[in-house]
């Protein structure tokens, strides 16, 4: 450390260093206050979003309860084909399908094809999902969604008879149906996109 004989110079250095430290502390404090204010504002906005969503859910439940055909989730049926299980035989539009794969042999590989009957000779392949027995158990949900790029413009395409096919295996396909009914609150998600 360098000491000057002149007390005035020492005082000026000490005052300058003190001023820099004070300015730095004030700057950090202001930044922290701004960060806290921003977090508080975000929390309030999130709280408003959550309250709005909860209000929508409450209204959807009231509308469902008062409808002529209220939605009541059915018990899971667990339709099986070998190690593959589908949770139900009927779904409403907007209802997710749960697919469970139990103890798939390590040597079995292929793909699940979710296909809708167009007529007695043609099917539309909605989704293909690969499976591989060398991977751990693979359970998942699948929702039928509109997709302009794929030409799935309205929910009408979902209504009717479907088949879950297991390509690459000798397992029988699983048949299921999508009814012309919407899960309460899902209608907005199925407005035409084309």
N, C-alpha and C. Protein backbone atom coordinates (compact mmCIF):
# COMPACT_ATOMS: atom_id res chain seq x y z
N UNK A 1 0.85 -1.17 0.00
CA UNK A 1 0.00 0.00 0.00
C UNK A 1 0.90 1.24 0.00
N UNK A 2 0.49 2.23 -0.76
CA UNK A 2 1.29 3.45 -0.91
C UNK A 2 0.71 4.52 0.00
N UNK A 3 1.57 5.13 0.81
CA UNK A 3 1.15 6.23 1.68
C UNK A 3 1.87 7.48 1.24
N UNK A 4 1.09 8.52 1.09
CA UNK A 4 1.67 9.81 0.72
C UNK A 4 1.84 10.63 1.97
N UNK A 5 2.83 11.50 1.94
CA UNK A 5 3.09 12.33 3.12
C UNK A 5 2.04 13.42 3.26
N UNK A 6 1.49 13.76 2.16
CA UNK A 6 0.52 14.83 2.20
C UNK A 6 -0.82 14.28 2.67
N UNK A 7 -1.31 14.75 3.80
CA UNK A 7 -2.58 14.30 4.35
C UNK A 7 -3.75 14.61 3.43
N UNK A 8 -3.67 15.68 2.68
CA UNK A 8 -4.75 16.05 1.76
C UNK A 8 -4.91 15.00 0.66
N UNK A 9 -3.79 14.50 0.16
CA UNK A 9 -3.84 13.49 -0.89
C UNK A 9 -4.44 12.20 -0.31
N UNK A 10 -4.03 11.79 0.88
CA UNK A 10 -4.58 10.60 1.54
C UNK A 10 -6.08 10.74 1.75
N UNK A 11 -6.52 11.92 2.17
CA UNK A 11 -7.94 12.15 2.40
C UNK A 11 -8.72 12.04 1.09
N UNK A 12 -8.13 12.61 0.00
CA UNK A 12 -8.81 12.57 -1.30
C UNK A 12 -8.93 11.12 -1.79
N UNK A 13 -7.90 10.32 -1.59
CA UNK A 13 -7.94 8.92 -2.02
C UNK A 13 -8.98 8.16 -1.22
N UNK A 14 -9.00 8.37 0.09
CA UNK A 14 -9.96 7.68 0.95
C UNK A 14 -11.39 8.10 0.59
N UNK A 15 -11.58 9.39 0.38
CA UNK A 15 -12.91 9.89 0.00
C UNK A 15 -13.33 9.30 -1.35
N UNK A 16 -12.42 9.24 -2.31
CA UNK A 16 -12.73 8.69 -3.65
C UNK A 16 -13.10 7.22 -3.55
N UNK A 17 -12.30 6.45 -2.81
CA UNK A 17 -12.59 5.02 -2.66
C UNK A 17 -13.91 4.83 -1.93
N UNK A 18 -14.17 5.60 -0.89
CA UNK A 18 -15.43 5.52 -0.15
C UNK A 18 -16.61 5.85 -1.06
N UNK A 19 -16.46 6.86 -1.90
CA UNK A 19 -17.53 7.26 -2.81
C UNK A 19 -17.82 6.14 -3.81
N UNK A 20 -16.77 5.50 -4.33
CA UNK A 20 -16.95 4.40 -5.29
C UNK A 20 -17.68 3.24 -4.61
N UNK A 21 -17.28 2.91 -3.39
CA UNK A 21 -17.93 1.82 -2.66
C UNK A 21 -19.40 2.15 -2.40
N UNK A 22 -19.68 3.37 -1.98
CA UNK A 22 -21.07 3.78 -1.70
C UNK A 22 -21.91 3.74 -2.97
N UNK A 23 -21.37 4.24 -4.08
CA UNK A 23 -22.09 4.24 -5.35
C UNK A 23 -22.37 2.80 -5.80
N UNK A 24 -21.39 1.91 -5.62
CA UNK A 24 -21.57 0.50 -5.98
C UNK A 24 -22.67 -0.13 -5.14
N UNK A 25 -22.66 0.13 -3.83
CA UNK A 25 -23.68 -0.43 -2.93
C UNK A 25 -25.05 0.09 -3.31
N UNK A 26 -25.17 1.38 -3.60
CA UNK A 26 -26.46 1.96 -3.99
C UNK A 26 -26.94 1.34 -5.30
N UNK A 27 -26.02 1.18 -6.26
CA UNK A 27 -26.38 0.57 -7.55
C UNK A 27 -26.90 -0.84 -7.38
N UNK A 28 -26.22 -1.63 -6.56
CA UNK A 28 -26.65 -3.01 -6.31
C UNK A 28 -28.00 -3.02 -5.61
N UNK A 29 -28.20 -2.11 -4.64
CA UNK A 29 -29.47 -2.04 -3.92
C UNK A 29 -30.62 -1.69 -4.86
N UNK A 30 -30.40 -0.72 -5.74
CA UNK A 30 -31.45 -0.33 -6.69
C UNK A 30 -31.77 -1.48 -7.63
N UNK A 31 -30.73 -2.17 -8.11
CA UNK A 31 -30.95 -3.32 -9.00
C UNK A 31 -31.75 -4.39 -8.29
N UNK A 32 -31.43 -4.67 -7.02
CA UNK A 32 -32.15 -5.69 -6.26
C UNK A 32 -33.60 -5.28 -6.05
N UNK A 33 -33.84 -4.00 -5.79
CA UNK A 33 -35.21 -3.52 -5.63
C UNK A 33 -35.99 -3.70 -6.93
N UNK A 34 -35.35 -3.37 -8.08
CA UNK A 34 -36.01 -3.56 -9.38
C UNK A 34 -36.33 -5.03 -9.62
N UNK A 35 -35.39 -5.91 -9.29
CA UNK A 35 -35.61 -7.35 -9.47
C UNK A 35 -36.78 -7.81 -8.61
N UNK A 36 -36.81 -7.37 -7.35
CA UNK A 36 -37.90 -7.75 -6.45
C UNK A 36 -39.24 -7.21 -6.94
N UNK A 37 -39.25 -5.95 -7.44
CA UNK A 37 -40.48 -5.38 -7.98
C UNK A 37 -40.97 -6.17 -9.19
N UNK A 38 -40.04 -6.55 -10.08
CA UNK A 38 -40.41 -7.33 -11.27
C UNK A 38 -40.97 -8.69 -10.87
N UNK A 39 -40.34 -9.34 -9.88
CA UNK A 39 -40.83 -10.64 -9.42
C UNK A 39 -42.22 -10.51 -8.80
N UNK A 40 -42.44 -9.43 -8.04
CA UNK A 40 -43.75 -9.22 -7.43
C UNK A 40 -44.81 -9.01 -8.50
N UNK A 41 -44.48 -8.23 -9.53
CA UNK A 41 -45.40 -7.98 -10.62
C UNK A 41 -45.71 -9.28 -11.36
N UNK A 42 -44.67 -10.08 -11.63
CA UNK A 42 -44.89 -11.36 -12.31
C UNK A 42 -45.77 -12.27 -11.47
N UNK A 43 -45.53 -12.30 -10.15
CA UNK A 43 -46.34 -13.14 -9.27
C UNK A 43 -47.80 -12.71 -9.28
N UNK A 44 -48.04 -11.38 -9.30
CA UNK A 44 -49.41 -10.88 -9.37
C UNK A 44 -50.06 -11.27 -10.69
N UNK A 45 -49.31 -11.14 -11.80
CA UNK A 45 -49.84 -11.51 -13.11
C UNK A 45 -50.15 -13.00 -13.15
N UNK A 46 -49.24 -13.82 -12.61
CA UNK A 46 -49.48 -15.26 -12.57
C UNK A 46 -50.69 -15.57 -11.71
N UNK A 47 -50.83 -14.87 -10.61
CA UNK A 47 -51.96 -15.08 -9.72
C UNK A 47 -53.26 -14.75 -10.45
N UNK A 48 -53.27 -13.65 -11.23
CA UNK A 48 -54.46 -13.30 -12.01
C UNK A 48 -54.76 -14.36 -13.05
N UNK A 49 -53.72 -14.88 -13.71
CA UNK A 49 -53.90 -15.94 -14.71
C UNK A 49 -54.47 -17.19 -14.05
N UNK A 50 -53.93 -17.54 -12.90
CA UNK A 50 -54.40 -18.73 -12.19
C UNK A 50 -55.85 -18.55 -11.75
N UNK A 51 -56.18 -17.37 -11.21
CA UNK A 51 -57.56 -17.12 -10.79
C UNK A 51 -58.51 -17.17 -11.98
N UNK A 52 -58.08 -16.63 -13.12
CA UNK A 52 -58.89 -16.67 -14.33
C UNK A 52 -59.12 -18.11 -14.78
N UNK A 53 -58.06 -18.92 -14.73
CA UNK A 53 -58.17 -20.31 -15.13
C UNK A 53 -59.08 -21.08 -14.17
N UNK A 54 -58.94 -20.83 -12.88
CA UNK A 54 -59.79 -21.50 -11.89
C UNK A 54 -61.26 -21.11 -12.09
N UNK A 55 -61.50 -19.86 -12.42
CA UNK A 55 -62.87 -19.40 -12.68
C UNK A 55 -63.44 -20.10 -13.91
N UNK A 56 -62.62 -20.27 -14.97
CA UNK A 56 -63.06 -20.97 -16.18
C UNK A 56 -63.39 -22.43 -15.85
N UNK A 57 -62.54 -23.08 -15.07
CA UNK A 57 -62.79 -24.47 -14.69
C UNK A 57 -64.09 -24.58 -13.89
N UNK A 58 -64.31 -23.65 -12.99
CA UNK A 58 -65.53 -23.65 -12.19
C UNK A 58 -66.76 -23.50 -13.09
N UNK A 59 -66.69 -22.57 -14.05
CA UNK A 59 -67.81 -22.36 -14.97
C UNK A 59 -68.02 -23.59 -15.87
N UNK A 60 -66.93 -24.19 -16.33
CA UNK A 60 -67.05 -25.41 -17.16
C UNK A 60 -67.73 -26.52 -16.38
N UNK A 61 -67.39 -26.65 -15.10
CA UNK A 61 -68.01 -27.70 -14.27
C UNK A 61 -69.51 -27.42 -14.12
N UNK A 62 -69.86 -26.19 -13.88
CA UNK A 62 -71.29 -25.83 -13.73
C UNK A 62 -72.03 -26.14 -15.03
N UNK A 63 -71.45 -25.73 -16.16
CA UNK A 63 -72.08 -25.99 -17.46
C UNK A 63 -72.21 -27.49 -17.71
N UNK A 64 -71.18 -28.26 -17.36
CA UNK A 64 -71.23 -29.71 -17.54
C UNK A 64 -72.34 -30.32 -16.69
N UNK A 65 -72.39 -29.93 -15.42
CA UNK A 65 -73.39 -30.49 -14.51
C UNK A 65 -74.81 -30.17 -14.97
N UNK A 66 -74.98 -29.02 -15.62
CA UNK A 66 -76.31 -28.60 -16.07
C UNK A 66 -76.64 -29.04 -17.49
N UNK A 67 -75.72 -29.69 -18.18
CA UNK A 67 -75.98 -30.10 -19.57
C UNK A 67 -76.87 -31.34 -19.62
N UNK A 68 -77.44 -31.59 -20.81
CA UNK A 68 -78.30 -32.76 -20.99
C UNK A 68 -77.52 -34.06 -20.89
N UNK A 69 -76.26 -34.02 -21.33
CA UNK A 69 -75.42 -35.23 -21.33
C UNK A 69 -74.10 -34.89 -20.64
N UNK A 70 -74.09 -34.77 -19.31
CA UNK A 70 -72.86 -34.37 -18.61
C UNK A 70 -71.76 -35.41 -18.76
N UNK A 71 -70.53 -34.89 -18.83
CA UNK A 71 -69.37 -35.78 -18.92
C UNK A 71 -69.06 -36.33 -17.54
N UNK A 72 -69.01 -37.65 -17.47
CA UNK A 72 -68.59 -38.33 -16.26
C UNK A 72 -67.53 -39.34 -16.70
N UNK A 73 -66.29 -39.18 -16.25
CA UNK A 73 -65.24 -40.12 -16.70
C UNK A 73 -65.63 -41.56 -16.37
N UNK A 74 -65.45 -42.41 -17.37
CA UNK A 74 -65.74 -43.83 -17.17
C UNK A 74 -64.57 -44.50 -16.47
N UNK A 75 -64.87 -45.61 -15.84
CA UNK A 75 -63.80 -46.41 -15.25
C UNK A 75 -62.88 -46.91 -16.35
N UNK A 76 -61.63 -47.05 -16.05
CA UNK A 76 -60.69 -47.59 -17.04
C UNK A 76 -61.00 -49.07 -17.27
N UNK A 77 -61.00 -49.44 -18.55
CA UNK A 77 -61.32 -50.82 -18.92
C UNK A 77 -60.06 -51.65 -19.13
N UNK A 78 -59.00 -51.04 -19.55
CA UNK A 78 -57.73 -51.69 -19.86
C UNK A 78 -57.90 -52.83 -20.88
N UNK A 79 -58.10 -52.42 -22.11
CA UNK A 79 -58.21 -53.36 -23.22
C UNK A 79 -56.80 -53.79 -23.59
N UNK A 80 -56.57 -55.10 -23.65
CA UNK A 80 -55.22 -55.64 -23.83
C UNK A 80 -55.00 -56.28 -25.19
N UNK A 81 -53.77 -56.17 -25.64
CA UNK A 81 -53.28 -56.96 -26.77
C UNK A 81 -51.82 -57.24 -26.45
N UNK A 82 -51.54 -58.43 -25.95
CA UNK A 82 -50.18 -58.75 -25.51
C UNK A 82 -49.78 -57.80 -24.39
N UNK A 83 -48.61 -57.17 -24.51
CA UNK A 83 -48.15 -56.26 -23.45
C UNK A 83 -48.75 -54.85 -23.57
N UNK A 84 -49.55 -54.60 -24.59
CA UNK A 84 -50.11 -53.27 -24.84
C UNK A 84 -51.50 -53.16 -24.21
N UNK A 85 -51.74 -52.04 -23.52
CA UNK A 85 -53.03 -51.80 -22.89
C UNK A 85 -53.51 -50.39 -23.22
N UNK A 86 -54.77 -50.29 -23.59
CA UNK A 86 -55.42 -49.00 -23.83
C UNK A 86 -56.48 -48.85 -22.75
N UNK A 87 -56.58 -47.67 -22.16
CA UNK A 87 -57.42 -47.52 -20.96
C UNK A 87 -58.93 -47.57 -21.19
N UNK A 88 -59.41 -47.27 -22.41
CA UNK A 88 -60.86 -47.28 -22.62
C UNK A 88 -61.21 -47.71 -24.05
N UNK A 89 -62.47 -48.00 -24.26
CA UNK A 89 -62.94 -48.35 -25.60
C UNK A 89 -63.68 -47.19 -26.25
N UNK A 90 -64.01 -46.15 -25.46
CA UNK A 90 -64.68 -44.97 -25.98
C UNK A 90 -64.06 -43.72 -25.38
N UNK A 91 -63.96 -42.68 -26.21
CA UNK A 91 -63.40 -41.40 -25.76
C UNK A 91 -64.28 -40.27 -26.28
N UNK A 92 -64.32 -39.20 -25.51
CA UNK A 92 -64.95 -37.97 -25.97
C UNK A 92 -63.85 -37.14 -26.63
N UNK A 93 -64.24 -36.21 -27.48
CA UNK A 93 -63.26 -35.31 -28.10
C UNK A 93 -62.63 -34.47 -27.00
N UNK A 94 -61.31 -34.47 -26.95
CA UNK A 94 -60.58 -33.74 -25.92
C UNK A 94 -60.11 -34.62 -24.78
N UNK A 95 -60.58 -35.85 -24.74
CA UNK A 95 -60.17 -36.78 -23.69
C UNK A 95 -58.87 -37.46 -24.11
N UNK A 96 -57.93 -37.55 -23.20
CA UNK A 96 -56.64 -38.18 -23.51
C UNK A 96 -56.73 -39.69 -23.35
N UNK A 97 -56.03 -40.37 -24.24
CA UNK A 97 -55.93 -41.83 -24.17
C UNK A 97 -54.67 -42.16 -23.38
N UNK A 98 -54.76 -43.17 -22.54
CA UNK A 98 -53.59 -43.61 -21.80
C UNK A 98 -53.19 -44.98 -22.33
N UNK A 99 -51.95 -45.08 -22.77
CA UNK A 99 -51.42 -46.32 -23.31
C UNK A 99 -50.34 -46.81 -22.36
N UNK A 100 -50.45 -48.09 -22.00
CA UNK A 100 -49.51 -48.69 -21.07
C UNK A 100 -48.85 -49.87 -21.78
N UNK A 101 -47.55 -49.99 -21.64
CA UNK A 101 -46.83 -51.12 -22.23
C UNK A 101 -46.17 -51.87 -21.08
N UNK A 102 -46.62 -53.12 -20.86
CA UNK A 102 -46.11 -53.93 -19.74
C UNK A 102 -45.21 -55.05 -20.24
N UNK A 103 -44.02 -55.11 -19.74
CA UNK A 103 -43.10 -56.23 -19.96
C UNK A 103 -42.98 -56.63 -21.43
N UNK A 104 -42.62 -55.68 -22.25
CA UNK A 104 -42.41 -55.93 -23.67
C UNK A 104 -41.09 -56.67 -23.85
N UNK A 105 -41.11 -57.77 -24.56
CA UNK A 105 -39.90 -58.57 -24.80
C UNK A 105 -38.82 -57.68 -25.43
N UNK A 106 -37.59 -57.84 -24.98
CA UNK A 106 -36.47 -57.01 -25.44
C UNK A 106 -36.26 -57.06 -26.94
N UNK A 107 -36.65 -58.15 -27.57
CA UNK A 107 -36.41 -58.32 -29.00
C UNK A 107 -37.49 -57.69 -29.87
N UNK A 108 -38.59 -57.27 -29.27
CA UNK A 108 -39.72 -56.74 -30.05
C UNK A 108 -39.54 -55.24 -30.29
N UNK A 109 -39.61 -54.88 -31.57
CA UNK A 109 -39.57 -53.48 -31.98
C UNK A 109 -40.63 -53.28 -33.04
N UNK A 110 -41.17 -52.11 -33.10
CA UNK A 110 -42.17 -51.81 -34.11
C UNK A 110 -42.74 -50.43 -33.89
N UNK A 111 -43.96 -50.24 -34.35
CA UNK A 111 -44.62 -48.95 -34.13
C UNK A 111 -46.10 -49.14 -33.90
N UNK A 112 -46.62 -48.31 -33.01
CA UNK A 112 -48.06 -48.25 -32.78
C UNK A 112 -48.62 -47.26 -33.77
N UNK A 113 -49.69 -47.65 -34.45
CA UNK A 113 -50.32 -46.76 -35.42
C UNK A 113 -51.75 -46.51 -34.96
N UNK A 114 -52.07 -45.24 -34.71
CA UNK A 114 -53.43 -44.84 -34.37
C UNK A 114 -54.11 -44.47 -35.68
N UNK A 115 -55.05 -45.31 -36.11
CA UNK A 115 -55.67 -45.13 -37.42
C UNK A 115 -57.18 -45.07 -37.28
N UNK A 116 -57.78 -44.18 -38.07
CA UNK A 116 -59.24 -44.02 -38.08
C UNK A 116 -59.79 -44.59 -39.38
N UNK A 117 -60.88 -45.32 -39.24
CA UNK A 117 -61.55 -45.87 -40.41
C UNK A 117 -62.18 -44.73 -41.21
N UNK A 118 -61.89 -44.69 -42.50
CA UNK A 118 -62.55 -43.74 -43.40
C UNK A 118 -63.76 -44.43 -44.04
N UNK A 119 -63.53 -45.65 -44.48
CA UNK A 119 -64.61 -46.50 -45.01
C UNK A 119 -64.17 -47.95 -44.80
N UNK A 120 -64.83 -48.89 -45.44
CA UNK A 120 -64.53 -50.30 -45.19
C UNK A 120 -63.18 -50.73 -45.74
N UNK A 121 -62.57 -49.94 -46.62
CA UNK A 121 -61.28 -50.34 -47.22
C UNK A 121 -60.13 -49.40 -46.93
N UNK A 122 -60.41 -48.22 -46.36
CA UNK A 122 -59.36 -47.23 -46.15
C UNK A 122 -59.34 -46.73 -44.71
N UNK A 123 -58.11 -46.42 -44.26
CA UNK A 123 -57.93 -45.85 -42.93
C UNK A 123 -57.01 -44.64 -43.04
N UNK A 124 -57.20 -43.70 -42.13
CA UNK A 124 -56.32 -42.53 -42.03
C UNK A 124 -55.39 -42.78 -40.85
N UNK A 125 -54.08 -42.77 -41.11
CA UNK A 125 -53.10 -42.99 -40.03
C UNK A 125 -52.82 -41.65 -39.36
N UNK A 126 -53.38 -41.48 -38.18
CA UNK A 126 -53.26 -40.22 -37.45
C UNK A 126 -51.88 -40.05 -36.82
N UNK A 127 -51.38 -41.09 -36.19
CA UNK A 127 -50.11 -40.98 -35.45
C UNK A 127 -49.42 -42.32 -35.42
N UNK A 128 -48.07 -42.27 -35.57
CA UNK A 128 -47.24 -43.47 -35.45
C UNK A 128 -46.25 -43.23 -34.32
N UNK A 129 -46.18 -44.19 -33.40
CA UNK A 129 -45.28 -44.07 -32.25
C UNK A 129 -44.43 -45.33 -32.17
N UNK A 130 -43.11 -45.19 -32.30
CA UNK A 130 -42.26 -46.38 -32.24
C UNK A 130 -42.20 -46.96 -30.82
N UNK A 131 -41.97 -48.27 -30.74
CA UNK A 131 -41.73 -48.91 -29.45
C UNK A 131 -40.55 -49.86 -29.62
N UNK A 132 -39.86 -50.08 -28.52
CA UNK A 132 -38.64 -50.89 -28.53
C UNK A 132 -38.53 -51.59 -27.19
N UNK A 133 -38.57 -52.92 -27.22
CA UNK A 133 -38.52 -53.70 -25.99
C UNK A 133 -37.23 -53.55 -25.21
N UNK A 134 -36.16 -53.05 -25.86
CA UNK A 134 -34.90 -52.89 -25.14
C UNK A 134 -34.91 -51.63 -24.27
N UNK A 135 -35.92 -50.78 -24.43
CA UNK A 135 -36.08 -49.61 -23.58
C UNK A 135 -36.98 -49.96 -22.40
N UNK A 136 -36.86 -49.24 -21.30
CA UNK A 136 -37.73 -49.52 -20.15
C UNK A 136 -39.21 -49.30 -20.52
N UNK A 137 -40.07 -49.70 -19.62
CA UNK A 137 -41.52 -49.57 -19.82
C UNK A 137 -41.87 -48.18 -20.34
N UNK A 138 -42.72 -48.14 -21.34
CA UNK A 138 -43.05 -46.88 -22.00
C UNK A 138 -44.55 -46.62 -21.91
N UNK A 139 -44.98 -45.81 -20.98
CA UNK A 139 -46.38 -45.44 -20.83
C UNK A 139 -46.53 -44.00 -21.27
N UNK A 140 -47.66 -43.66 -21.87
CA UNK A 140 -47.85 -42.29 -22.31
C UNK A 140 -49.32 -41.98 -22.53
N UNK A 141 -49.61 -40.67 -22.61
CA UNK A 141 -50.93 -40.17 -22.96
C UNK A 141 -50.89 -39.69 -24.40
N UNK A 142 -52.03 -39.78 -25.07
CA UNK A 142 -52.15 -39.25 -26.42
C UNK A 142 -53.45 -38.48 -26.51
N UNK A 143 -53.36 -37.26 -27.01
CA UNK A 143 -54.54 -36.44 -27.24
C UNK A 143 -54.69 -36.23 -28.74
N UNK A 144 -55.90 -36.29 -29.23
CA UNK A 144 -56.17 -36.00 -30.63
C UNK A 144 -56.29 -34.49 -30.77
N UNK A 145 -55.47 -33.90 -31.61
CA UNK A 145 -55.45 -32.44 -31.76
C UNK A 145 -55.54 -32.04 -33.22
N UNK A 146 -56.08 -30.85 -33.44
CA UNK A 146 -56.15 -30.30 -34.80
C UNK A 146 -54.75 -29.88 -35.23
N UNK A 147 -54.52 -29.95 -36.55
CA UNK A 147 -53.20 -29.59 -37.07
C UNK A 147 -53.37 -29.16 -38.53
N UNK A 148 -53.30 -27.87 -38.75
CA UNK A 148 -53.50 -27.30 -40.09
C UNK A 148 -52.51 -27.89 -41.09
N UNK A 149 -51.25 -28.01 -40.71
CA UNK A 149 -50.21 -28.51 -41.62
C UNK A 149 -50.51 -29.93 -42.10
N UNK A 150 -51.15 -30.72 -41.27
CA UNK A 150 -51.47 -32.11 -41.64
C UNK A 150 -52.88 -32.25 -42.21
N UNK A 151 -53.57 -31.12 -42.36
CA UNK A 151 -54.92 -31.16 -42.92
C UNK A 151 -55.98 -31.64 -41.96
N UNK A 152 -55.69 -31.61 -40.67
CA UNK A 152 -56.67 -31.99 -39.64
C UNK A 152 -57.30 -30.69 -39.16
N UNK A 153 -58.35 -30.28 -39.87
CA UNK A 153 -58.89 -28.93 -39.70
C UNK A 153 -60.04 -28.81 -38.73
N UNK A 154 -60.85 -29.86 -38.62
CA UNK A 154 -62.02 -29.82 -37.74
C UNK A 154 -62.07 -31.11 -36.91
N UNK A 155 -62.80 -31.08 -35.80
CA UNK A 155 -62.86 -32.28 -34.96
C UNK A 155 -63.67 -33.42 -35.58
N UNK A 156 -64.40 -33.14 -36.66
CA UNK A 156 -65.21 -34.19 -37.30
C UNK A 156 -64.36 -35.39 -37.70
N UNK A 157 -63.11 -35.13 -38.07
CA UNK A 157 -62.23 -36.23 -38.51
C UNK A 157 -61.99 -37.24 -37.40
N UNK A 158 -62.12 -36.82 -36.16
CA UNK A 158 -61.85 -37.72 -35.03
C UNK A 158 -63.03 -38.65 -34.71
N UNK A 159 -64.23 -38.23 -35.05
CA UNK A 159 -65.44 -38.97 -34.66
C UNK A 159 -65.55 -40.27 -35.45
N UNK A 160 -65.72 -41.36 -34.73
CA UNK A 160 -65.93 -42.64 -35.38
C UNK A 160 -65.06 -43.75 -34.82
N UNK A 161 -64.92 -44.80 -35.63
CA UNK A 161 -64.19 -46.00 -35.22
C UNK A 161 -62.70 -45.87 -35.52
N UNK A 162 -61.90 -46.32 -34.56
CA UNK A 162 -60.44 -46.26 -34.65
C UNK A 162 -59.86 -47.64 -34.38
N UNK A 163 -58.58 -47.76 -34.72
CA UNK A 163 -57.86 -48.99 -34.44
C UNK A 163 -56.43 -48.63 -34.04
N UNK A 164 -55.95 -49.27 -33.01
CA UNK A 164 -54.56 -49.13 -32.59
C UNK A 164 -53.82 -50.38 -33.08
N UNK A 165 -52.97 -50.19 -34.08
CA UNK A 165 -52.29 -51.29 -34.75
C UNK A 165 -50.86 -51.38 -34.23
N UNK A 166 -50.35 -52.61 -34.07
CA UNK A 166 -49.00 -52.83 -33.56
C UNK A 166 -48.14 -53.42 -34.68
N UNK A 167 -47.62 -52.55 -35.53
CA UNK A 167 -46.80 -53.01 -36.66
C UNK A 167 -45.48 -53.58 -36.15
N UNK A 168 -45.05 -54.66 -36.80
CA UNK A 168 -43.80 -55.31 -36.41
C UNK A 168 -44.03 -56.42 -35.41
N UNK A 169 -45.32 -56.68 -35.08
CA UNK A 169 -45.65 -57.74 -34.12
C UNK A 169 -46.82 -58.56 -34.67
N UNK A 170 -47.12 -59.63 -33.99
CA UNK A 170 -48.30 -60.43 -34.32
C UNK A 170 -49.46 -60.13 -33.38
N UNK A 171 -49.34 -59.08 -32.56
CA UNK A 171 -50.41 -58.75 -31.62
C UNK A 171 -51.61 -58.19 -32.37
N UNK A 172 -52.80 -58.58 -31.92
CA UNK A 172 -54.03 -58.07 -32.53
C UNK A 172 -54.15 -56.59 -32.24
N UNK A 173 -54.78 -55.88 -33.16
CA UNK A 173 -55.01 -54.45 -32.93
C UNK A 173 -56.12 -54.27 -31.89
N UNK A 174 -56.18 -53.08 -31.34
CA UNK A 174 -57.20 -52.73 -30.35
C UNK A 174 -58.14 -51.72 -31.02
N UNK A 175 -59.43 -51.99 -30.96
CA UNK A 175 -60.42 -51.10 -31.56
C UNK A 175 -61.02 -50.22 -30.47
N UNK A 176 -61.26 -48.95 -30.85
CA UNK A 176 -61.90 -48.01 -29.95
C UNK A 176 -62.69 -47.01 -30.76
N UNK A 177 -63.48 -46.18 -30.07
CA UNK A 177 -64.35 -45.23 -30.75
C UNK A 177 -64.19 -43.84 -30.11
N UNK A 178 -64.27 -42.82 -30.97
CA UNK A 178 -64.31 -41.44 -30.49
C UNK A 178 -65.73 -40.94 -30.76
N UNK A 179 -66.40 -40.54 -29.70
CA UNK A 179 -67.80 -40.12 -29.78
C UNK A 179 -67.91 -38.65 -30.19
N UNK A 180 -69.08 -38.27 -30.66
CA UNK A 180 -69.34 -36.89 -31.06
C UNK A 180 -69.76 -36.08 -29.84
N UNK A 181 -68.89 -36.06 -28.85
CA UNK A 181 -69.11 -35.33 -27.60
C UNK A 181 -67.79 -34.68 -27.20
N UNK A 182 -67.88 -33.49 -26.62
CA UNK A 182 -66.68 -32.77 -26.17
C UNK A 182 -66.52 -32.86 -24.66
N UNK A 183 -65.29 -32.99 -24.22
CA UNK A 183 -64.98 -32.83 -22.80
C UNK A 183 -65.32 -31.39 -22.45
N UNK A 184 -66.02 -31.11 -21.35
CA UNK A 184 -66.36 -29.73 -20.99
C UNK A 184 -65.13 -28.83 -20.98
N UNK A 185 -65.27 -27.68 -21.61
CA UNK A 185 -64.19 -26.70 -21.65
C UNK A 185 -63.21 -26.90 -22.78
N UNK A 186 -63.37 -27.97 -23.56
CA UNK A 186 -62.42 -28.27 -24.64
C UNK A 186 -62.88 -27.73 -26.00
N UNK A 187 -64.10 -27.25 -26.12
CA UNK A 187 -64.61 -26.82 -27.41
C UNK A 187 -63.71 -25.77 -28.08
N UNK A 188 -63.17 -24.86 -27.30
CA UNK A 188 -62.31 -23.80 -27.88
C UNK A 188 -61.04 -24.38 -28.49
N UNK A 189 -60.58 -25.51 -28.00
CA UNK A 189 -59.38 -26.14 -28.55
C UNK A 189 -59.64 -26.86 -29.87
N UNK A 190 -60.92 -26.97 -30.23
CA UNK A 190 -61.28 -27.72 -31.44
C UNK A 190 -62.05 -26.86 -32.44
N UNK A 191 -61.82 -25.55 -32.40
CA UNK A 191 -62.40 -24.69 -33.43
C UNK A 191 -61.62 -24.92 -34.72
N UNK A 192 -62.31 -24.87 -35.88
CA UNK A 192 -61.63 -25.14 -37.16
C UNK A 192 -60.36 -24.31 -37.33
N UNK A 193 -59.32 -24.94 -37.83
CA UNK A 193 -58.03 -24.26 -38.04
C UNK A 193 -57.70 -24.07 -39.52
N UNK A 194 -58.54 -24.58 -40.43
CA UNK A 194 -58.31 -24.41 -41.88
C UNK A 194 -59.52 -23.76 -42.51
